[in-house]
Amino acid sequence: MKIKVTILLILFLFTVSLSQAQTVWLYTPNGKQVYAFMNDEMSSTDISTTTNFYKNAYPKATVLENASNTYNCHSYA
């Protein structure tokens, strides 16, 4: 059940973030141009809610940072 809820939450957040995303061009360290989405940050309430959801869903995990809608590891690939 937790897996289904987690998947639904991720899909919801992804859909919401794309609807508010701005499209940009980024450059890799090797100079390759890549197309990406730049998201606005979530509200402080959404950050807390999302972070707490994952803390409760995975109590043995260590949270290193609060949830964020702006971090995109793919832009550093």
PDB file of N, CA and C in Angstrom:
ATOM      1  N   MET A   1       0.822  -1.201   0.000  1.00  0.00           N
ATOM      2  CA  MET A   1       0.000   0.000   0.000  1.00  0.00           C
ATOM      3  C   MET A   1       0.862   1.260   0.000  1.00  0.00           C
ATOM      4  N   LYS A   2       1.950   1.255   0.809  1.00  0.00           N
ATOM      5  CA  LYS A   2       2.827   2.426   0.849  1.00  0.00           C
ATOM      6  C   LYS A   2       3.428   2.714  -0.517  1.00  0.00           C
ATOM      7  N   ILE A   3       3.750   1.668  -1.250  1.00  0.00           N
ATOM      8  CA  ILE A   3       4.347   1.842  -2.572  1.00  0.00           C
ATOM      9  C   ILE A   3       3.358   2.541  -3.505  1.00  0.00           C
ATOM     10  N   LYS A   4       2.096   2.121  -3.481  1.00  0.00           N
ATOM     11  CA  LYS A   4       1.088   2.737  -4.345  1.00  0.00           C
ATOM     12  C   LYS A   4       0.890   4.209  -3.993  1.00  0.00           C
ATOM     13  N   VAL A   5       0.831   4.514  -2.717  1.00  0.00           N
ATOM     14  CA  VAL A   5       0.665   5.903  -2.279  1.00  0.00           C
ATOM     15  C   VAL A   5       1.872   6.722  -2.692  1.00  0.00           C
ATOM     16  N   THR A   6       3.059   6.161  -2.528  1.00  0.00           N
ATOM     17  CA  THR A   6       4.282   6.863  -2.900  1.00  0.00           C
ATOM     18  C   THR A   6       4.309   7.144  -4.395  1.00  0.00           C
ATOM     19  N   ILE A   7       3.963   6.157  -5.195  1.00  0.00           N
ATOM     20  CA  ILE A   7       3.951   6.338  -6.645  1.00  0.00           C
ATOM     21  C   ILE A   7       2.936   7.396  -7.046  1.00  0.00           C
ATOM     22  N   LEU A   8       1.766   7.358  -6.453  1.00  0.00           N
ATOM     23  CA  LEU A   8       0.750   8.365  -6.771  1.00  0.00           C
ATOM     24  C   LEU A   8       1.208   9.757  -6.370  1.00  0.00           C
ATOM     25  N   LEU A   9       1.855   9.893  -5.221  1.00  0.00           N
ATOM     26  CA  LEU A   9       2.353  11.197  -4.787  1.00  0.00           C
ATOM     27  C   LEU A   9       3.427  11.710  -5.743  1.00  0.00           C
ATOM     28  N   ILE A  10       4.324  10.841  -6.137  1.00  0.00           N
ATOM     29  CA  ILE A  10       5.382  11.250  -7.066  1.00  0.00           C
ATOM     30  C   ILE A  10       4.786  11.673  -8.401  1.00  0.00           C
ATOM     31  N   LEU A  11       3.844  10.905  -8.923  1.00  0.00           N
ATOM     32  CA  LEU A  11       3.204  11.271 -10.192  1.00  0.00           C
ATOM     33  C   LEU A  11       2.464  12.603 -10.081  1.00  0.00           C
ATOM     34  N   PHE A  12       1.789  12.809  -8.963  1.00  0.00           N
ATOM     35  CA  PHE A  12       1.079  14.073  -8.755  1.00  0.00           C
ATOM     36  C   PHE A  12       2.055  15.242  -8.719  1.00  0.00           C
ATOM     37  N   LEU A  13       3.110  15.114  -7.932  1.00  0.00           N
ATOM     38  CA  LEU A  13       4.089  16.195  -7.829  1.00  0.00           C
ATOM     39  C   LEU A  13       4.776  16.463  -9.160  1.00  0.00           C
ATOM     40  N   PHE A  14       5.072  15.396  -9.914  1.00  0.00           N
ATOM     41  CA  PHE A  14       5.697  15.548 -11.217  1.00  0.00           C
ATOM     42  C   PHE A  14       4.773  16.299 -12.168  1.00  0.00           C
ATOM     43  N   THR A  15       3.494  15.929 -12.181  1.00  0.00           N
ATOM     44  CA  THR A  15       2.517  16.585 -13.052  1.00  0.00           C
ATOM     45  C   THR A  15       2.359  18.058 -12.689  1.00  0.00           C
ATOM     46  N   VAL A  16       2.248  18.341 -11.409  1.00  0.00           N
ATOM     47  CA  VAL A  16       2.110  19.728 -10.957  1.00  0.00           C
ATOM     48  C   VAL A  16       3.362  20.522 -11.303  1.00  0.00           C
ATOM     49  N   SER A  17       4.526  19.940 -11.092  1.00  0.00           N
ATOM     50  CA  SER A  17       5.761  20.670 -11.346  1.00  0.00           C
ATOM     51  C   SER A  17       5.941  20.964 -12.828  1.00  0.00           C
ATOM     52  N   LEU A  18       5.551  20.030 -13.707  1.00  0.00           N
ATOM     53  CA  LEU A  18       5.691  20.282 -15.136  1.00  0.00           C
ATOM     54  C   LEU A  18       4.728  21.357 -15.616  1.00  0.00           C
ATOM     55  N   SER A  19       3.570  21.440 -15.004  1.00  0.00           N
ATOM     56  CA  SER A  19       2.606  22.447 -15.436  1.00  0.00           C
ATOM     57  C   SER A  19       3.076  23.853 -15.081  1.00  0.00           C
ATOM     58  N   GLN A  20       3.987  23.963 -14.112  1.00  0.00           N
ATOM     59  CA  GLN A  20       4.491  25.262 -13.694  1.00  0.00           C
ATOM     60  C   GLN A  20       5.938  25.484 -14.134  1.00  0.00           C
ATOM     61  N   ALA A  21       6.494  24.557 -14.901  1.00  0.00           N
ATOM     62  CA  ALA A  21       7.904  24.613 -15.251  1.00  0.00           C
ATOM     63  C   ALA A  21       8.159  25.575 -16.404  1.00  0.00           C
ATOM     64  N   GLN A  22       9.321  26.165 -16.350  1.00  0.00           N
ATOM     65  CA  GLN A  22       9.823  27.003 -17.425  1.00  0.00           C
ATOM     66  C   GLN A  22      10.858  26.169 -18.175  1.00  0.00           C
ATOM     67  N   THR A  23      10.863  26.236 -19.501  1.00  0.00           N
ATOM     68  CA  THR A  23      11.838  25.469 -20.259  1.00  0.00           C
ATOM     69  C   THR A  23      13.104  26.289 -20.452  1.00  0.00           C
ATOM     70  N   VAL A  24      14.253  25.622 -20.321  1.00  0.00           N
ATOM     71  CA  VAL A  24      15.552  26.294 -20.439  1.00  0.00           C
ATOM     72  C   VAL A  24      16.546  25.371 -21.140  1.00  0.00           C
ATOM     73  N   TRP A  25      17.625  25.949 -21.621  1.00  0.00           N
ATOM     74  CA  TRP A  25      18.748  25.189 -22.154  1.00  0.00           C
ATOM     75  C   TRP A  25      19.862  25.230 -21.128  1.00  0.00           C
ATOM     76  N   LEU A  26      20.428  24.058 -20.831  1.00  0.00           N
ATOM     77  CA  LEU A  26      21.559  23.952 -19.915  1.00  0.00           C
ATOM     78  C   LEU A  26      22.748  23.400 -20.676  1.00  0.00           C
ATOM     79  N   TYR A  27      23.920  23.572 -20.113  1.00  0.00           N
ATOM     80  CA  TYR A  27      25.135  23.053 -20.721  1.00  0.00           C
ATOM     81  C   TYR A  27      25.854  22.133 -19.753  1.00  0.00           C
ATOM     82  N   THR A  28      26.246  20.975 -20.234  1.00  0.00           N
ATOM     83  CA  THR A  28      26.993  20.030 -19.416  1.00  0.00           C
ATOM     84  C   THR A  28      28.423  20.546 -19.264  1.00  0.00           C
ATOM     85  N   PRO A  29      29.193  19.971 -18.339  1.00  0.00           N
ATOM     86  CA  PRO A  29      30.595  20.391 -18.207  1.00  0.00           C
ATOM     87  C   PRO A  29      31.399  20.229 -19.503  1.00  0.00           C
ATOM     88  N   ASN A  30      30.961  19.324 -20.376  1.00  0.00           N
ATOM     89  CA  ASN A  30      31.645  19.142 -21.666  1.00  0.00           C
ATOM     90  C   ASN A  30      31.113  20.066 -22.758  1.00  0.00           C
ATOM     91  N   GLY A  31      30.187  20.957 -22.410  1.00  0.00           N
ATOM     92  CA  GLY A  31      29.679  21.931 -23.365  1.00  0.00           C
ATOM     93  C   GLY A  31      28.496  21.486 -24.190  1.00  0.00           C
ATOM     94  N   LYS A  32      27.942  20.300 -23.925  1.00  0.00           N
ATOM     95  CA  LYS A  32      26.772  19.841 -24.674  1.00  0.00           C
ATOM     96  C   LYS A  32      25.529  20.565 -24.187  1.00  0.00           C
ATOM     97  N   GLN A  33      24.724  21.029 -25.118  1.00  0.00           N
ATOM     98  CA  GLN A  33      23.485  21.737 -24.789  1.00  0.00           C
ATOM     99  C   GLN A  33      22.364  20.717 -24.570  1.00  0.00           C
ATOM    100  N   VAL A  34      21.631  20.845 -23.457  1.00  0.00           N
ATOM    101  CA  VAL A  34      20.513  19.960 -23.167  1.00  0.00           C
ATOM    102  C   VAL A  34      19.287  20.784 -22.785  1.00  0.00           C
ATOM    103  N   TYR A  35      18.131  20.299 -23.165  1.00  0.00           N
ATOM    104  CA  TYR A  35      16.853  20.943 -22.895  1.00  0.00           C
ATOM    105  C   TYR A  35      16.363  20.483 -21.525  1.00  0.00           C
ATOM    106  N   ALA A  36      15.877  21.399 -20.701  1.00  0.00           N
ATOM    107  CA  ALA A  36      15.459  21.015 -19.354  1.00  0.00           C
ATOM    108  C   ALA A  36      14.274  21.863 -18.908  1.00  0.00           C
ATOM    109  N   PHE A  37      13.704  21.461 -17.793  1.00  0.00           N
ATOM    110  CA  PHE A  37      12.624  22.202 -17.155  1.00  0.00           C
ATOM    111  C   PHE A  37      13.163  22.853 -15.895  1.00  0.00           C
ATOM    112  N   MET A  38      12.854  24.122 -15.681  1.00  0.00           N
ATOM    113  CA  MET A  38      13.244  24.817 -14.467  1.00  0.00           C
ATOM    114  C   MET A  38      11.968  25.074 -13.662  1.00  0.00           C
ATOM    115  N   ASN A  39      11.905  24.481 -12.495  1.00  0.00           N
ATOM    116  CA  ASN A  39      10.702  24.553 -11.671  1.00  0.00           C
ATOM    117  C   ASN A  39      10.809  25.647 -10.619  1.00  0.00           C
ATOM    118  N   ASP A  40       9.682  26.233 -10.283  1.00  0.00           N
ATOM    119  CA  ASP A  40       9.610  27.129  -9.146  1.00  0.00           C
ATOM    120  C   ASP A  40       9.637  26.284  -7.882  1.00  0.00           C
ATOM    121  N   GLU A  41      10.127  26.852  -6.810  1.00  0.00           N
ATOM    122  CA  GLU A  41      10.162  26.125  -5.545  1.00  0.00           C
ATOM    123  C   GLU A  41       8.750  25.955  -5.000  1.00  0.00           C
ATOM    124  N   MET A  42       8.555  24.870  -4.263  1.00  0.00           N
ATOM    125  CA  MET A  42       7.271  24.613  -3.610  1.00  0.00           C
ATOM    126  C   MET A  42       7.086  25.609  -2.465  1.00  0.00           C
ATOM    127  N   SER A  43       5.868  25.731  -1.984  1.00  0.00           N
ATOM    128  CA  SER A  43       5.607  26.557  -0.811  1.00  0.00           C
ATOM    129  C   SER A  43       6.217  25.889   0.415  1.00  0.00           C
ATOM    130  N   SER A  44       6.426  26.639   1.479  1.00  0.00           N
ATOM    131  CA  SER A  44       7.003  26.062   2.695  1.00  0.00           C
ATOM    132  C   SER A  44       6.107  24.961   3.267  1.00  0.00           C
ATOM    133  N   THR A  45       4.804  25.114   3.109  1.00  0.00           N
ATOM    134  CA  THR A  45       3.870  24.078   3.558  1.00  0.00           C
ATOM    135  C   THR A  45       4.054  22.797   2.756  1.00  0.00           C
ATOM    136  N   ASP A  46       4.171  22.927   1.421  1.00  0.00           N
ATOM    137  CA  ASP A  46       4.378  21.754   0.576  1.00  0.00           C
ATOM    138  C   ASP A  46       5.715  21.082   0.866  1.00  0.00           C
ATOM    139  N   ILE A  47       6.743  21.865   1.125  1.00  0.00           N
ATOM    140  CA  ILE A  47       8.057  21.308   1.461  1.00  0.00           C
ATOM    141  C   ILE A  47       7.951  20.484   2.742  1.00  0.00           C
ATOM    142  N   SER A  48       7.320  21.045   3.765  1.00  0.00           N
ATOM    143  CA  SER A  48       7.156  20.331   5.036  1.00  0.00           C
ATOM    144  C   SER A  48       6.319  19.076   4.871  1.00  0.00           C
ATOM    145  N   THR A  49       5.206  19.189   4.147  1.00  0.00           N
ATOM    146  CA  THR A  49       4.308  18.047   3.946  1.00  0.00           C
ATOM    147  C   THR A  49       5.017  16.916   3.213  1.00  0.00           C
ATOM    148  N   THR A  50       5.720  17.242   2.145  1.00  0.00           N
ATOM    149  CA  THR A  50       6.414  16.225   1.360  1.00  0.00           C
ATOM    150  C   THR A  50       7.542  15.586   2.156  1.00  0.00           C
ATOM    151  N   THR A  51       8.329  16.408   2.841  1.00  0.00           N
ATOM    152  CA  THR A  51       9.423  15.881   3.658  1.00  0.00           C
ATOM    153  C   THR A  51       8.891  14.968   4.748  1.00  0.00           C
ATOM    154  N   ASN A  52       7.854  15.394   5.442  1.00  0.00           N
ATOM    155  CA  ASN A  52       7.270  14.571   6.510  1.00  0.00           C
ATOM    156  C   ASN A  52       6.652  13.288   5.984  1.00  0.00           C
ATOM    157  N   PHE A  53       6.064  13.350   4.798  1.00  0.00           N
ATOM    158  CA  PHE A  53       5.504  12.138   4.193  1.00  0.00           C
ATOM    159  C   PHE A  53       6.593  11.080   4.048  1.00  0.00           C
ATOM    160  N   TYR A  54       7.735  11.460   3.494  1.00  0.00           N
ATOM    161  CA  TYR A  54       8.810  10.495   3.280  1.00  0.00           C
ATOM    162  C   TYR A  54       9.482  10.071   4.576  1.00  0.00           C
ATOM    163  N   LYS A  55       9.548  10.965   5.557  1.00  0.00           N
ATOM    164  CA  LYS A  55      10.078  10.570   6.870  1.00  0.00           C
ATOM    165  C   LYS A  55       9.197   9.491   7.498  1.00  0.00           C
ATOM    166  N   ASN A  56       7.888   9.639   7.361  1.00  0.00           N
ATOM    167  CA  ASN A  56       6.957   8.655   7.921  1.00  0.00           C
ATOM    168  C   ASN A  56       6.921   7.370   7.093  1.00  0.00           C
ATOM    169  N   ALA A  57       7.013   7.492   5.785  1.00  0.00           N
ATOM    170  CA  ALA A  57       6.954   6.318   4.916  1.00  0.00           C
ATOM    171  C   ALA A  57       8.215   5.465   5.024  1.00  0.00           C
ATOM    172  N   TYR A  58       9.353   6.110   5.292  1.00  0.00           N
ATOM    173  CA  TYR A  58      10.635   5.404   5.371  1.00  0.00           C
ATOM    174  C   TYR A  58      11.359   5.806   6.650  1.00  0.00           C
ATOM    175  N   PRO A  59      10.874   5.330   7.802  1.00  0.00           N
ATOM    176  CA  PRO A  59      11.399   5.782   9.091  1.00  0.00           C
ATOM    177  C   PRO A  59      12.874   5.429   9.334  1.00  0.00           C
ATOM    178  N   LYS A  60      13.406   4.445   8.632  1.00  0.00           N
ATOM    179  CA  LYS A  60      14.809   4.078   8.834  1.00  0.00           C
ATOM    180  C   LYS A  60      15.755   4.883   7.937  1.00  0.00           C
ATOM    181  N   ALA A  61      15.209   5.636   7.011  1.00  0.00           N
ATOM    182  CA  ALA A  61      16.037   6.448   6.113  1.00  0.00           C
ATOM    183  C   ALA A  61      16.455   7.736   6.814  1.00  0.00           C
ATOM    184  N   THR A  62      17.564   8.275   6.392  1.00  0.00           N
ATOM    185  CA  THR A  62      18.043   9.548   6.917  1.00  0.00           C
ATOM    186  C   THR A  62      17.760  10.631   5.885  1.00  0.00           C
ATOM    187  N   VAL A  63      17.029  11.651   6.266  1.00  0.00           N
ATOM    188  CA  VAL A  63      16.735  12.761   5.371  1.00  0.00           C
ATOM    189  C   VAL A  63      17.923  13.709   5.397  1.00  0.00           C
ATOM    190  N   LEU A  64      18.547  13.903   4.240  1.00  0.00           N
ATOM    191  CA  LEU A  64      19.705  14.785   4.160  1.00  0.00           C
ATOM    192  C   LEU A  64      19.306  16.230   3.907  1.00  0.00           C
ATOM    193  N   GLU A  65      18.241  16.433   3.166  1.00  0.00           N
ATOM    194  CA  GLU A  65      17.746  17.776   2.841  1.00  0.00           C
ATOM    195  C   GLU A  65      16.227  17.725   2.772  1.00  0.00           C
ATOM    196  N   ASN A  66      15.589  18.838   2.984  1.00  0.00           N
ATOM    197  CA  ASN A  66      14.141  18.922   2.811  1.00  0.00           C
ATOM    198  C   ASN A  66      13.790  18.747   1.334  1.00  0.00           C
ATOM    199  N   ALA A  67      12.548  18.391   1.095  1.00  0.00           N
ATOM    200  CA  ALA A  67      12.061  18.253  -0.277  1.00  0.00           C
ATOM    201  C   ALA A  67      12.256  19.566  -1.022  1.00  0.00           C
ATOM    202  N   SER A  68      12.501  19.458  -2.315  1.00  0.00           N
ATOM    203  CA  SER A  68      12.703  20.656  -3.131  1.00  0.00           C
ATOM    204  C   SER A  68      12.197  20.385  -4.538  1.00  0.00           C
ATOM    205  N   ASN A  69      11.645  21.376  -5.146  1.00  0.00           N
ATOM    206  CA  ASN A  69      11.152  21.266  -6.506  1.00  0.00           C
ATOM    207  C   ASN A  69      12.154  21.863  -7.493  1.00  0.00           C
ATOM    208  N   THR A  70      13.266  22.375  -6.999  1.00  0.00           N
ATOM    209  CA  THR A  70      14.212  23.064  -7.878  1.00  0.00           C
ATOM    210  C   THR A  70      15.455  22.249  -8.190  1.00  0.00           C
ATOM    211  N   TYR A  71      15.774  21.239  -7.375  1.00  0.00           N
ATOM    212  CA  TYR A  71      16.966  20.445  -7.619  1.00  0.00           C
ATOM    213  C   TYR A  71      16.720  19.469  -8.753  1.00  0.00           C
ATOM    214  N   ASN A  72      17.611  19.443  -9.710  1.00  0.00           N
ATOM    215  CA  ASN A  72      17.501  18.528 -10.839  1.00  0.00           C
ATOM    216  C   ASN A  72      18.876  17.947 -11.107  1.00  0.00           C
ATOM    217  N   CYS A  73      19.109  16.755 -10.603  1.00  0.00           N
ATOM    218  CA  CYS A  73      20.420  16.131 -10.768  1.00  0.00           C
ATOM    219  C   CYS A  73      20.769  15.939 -12.241  1.00  0.00           C
ATOM    220  N   HIS A  74      19.784  15.828 -13.108  1.00  0.00           N
ATOM    221  CA  HIS A  74      20.056  15.599 -14.523  1.00  0.00           C
ATOM    222  C   HIS A  74      20.719  16.805 -15.173  1.00  0.00           C
ATOM    223  N   SER A  75      20.557  17.978 -14.625  1.00  0.00           N
ATOM    224  CA  SER A  75      21.189  19.152 -15.233  1.00  0.00           C
ATOM    225  C   SER A  75      22.698  19.146 -15.007  1.00  0.00           C
ATOM    226  N   TYR A  76      23.175  18.242 -14.168  1.00  0.00           N
ATOM    227  CA  TYR A  76      24.613  18.162 -13.909  1.00  0.00           C
ATOM    228  C   TYR A  76      25.231  16.948 -14.595  1.00  0.00           C
ATOM    229  N   ALA A  77      24.456  16.230 -15.389  1.00  0.00           N
ATOM    230  CA  ALA A  77      24.968  15.009 -16.037  1.00  0.00           C
ATOM    231  C   ALA A  77      26.025  15.347 -17.066  1.00  0.00           C
TER     232      ALA A  77
END
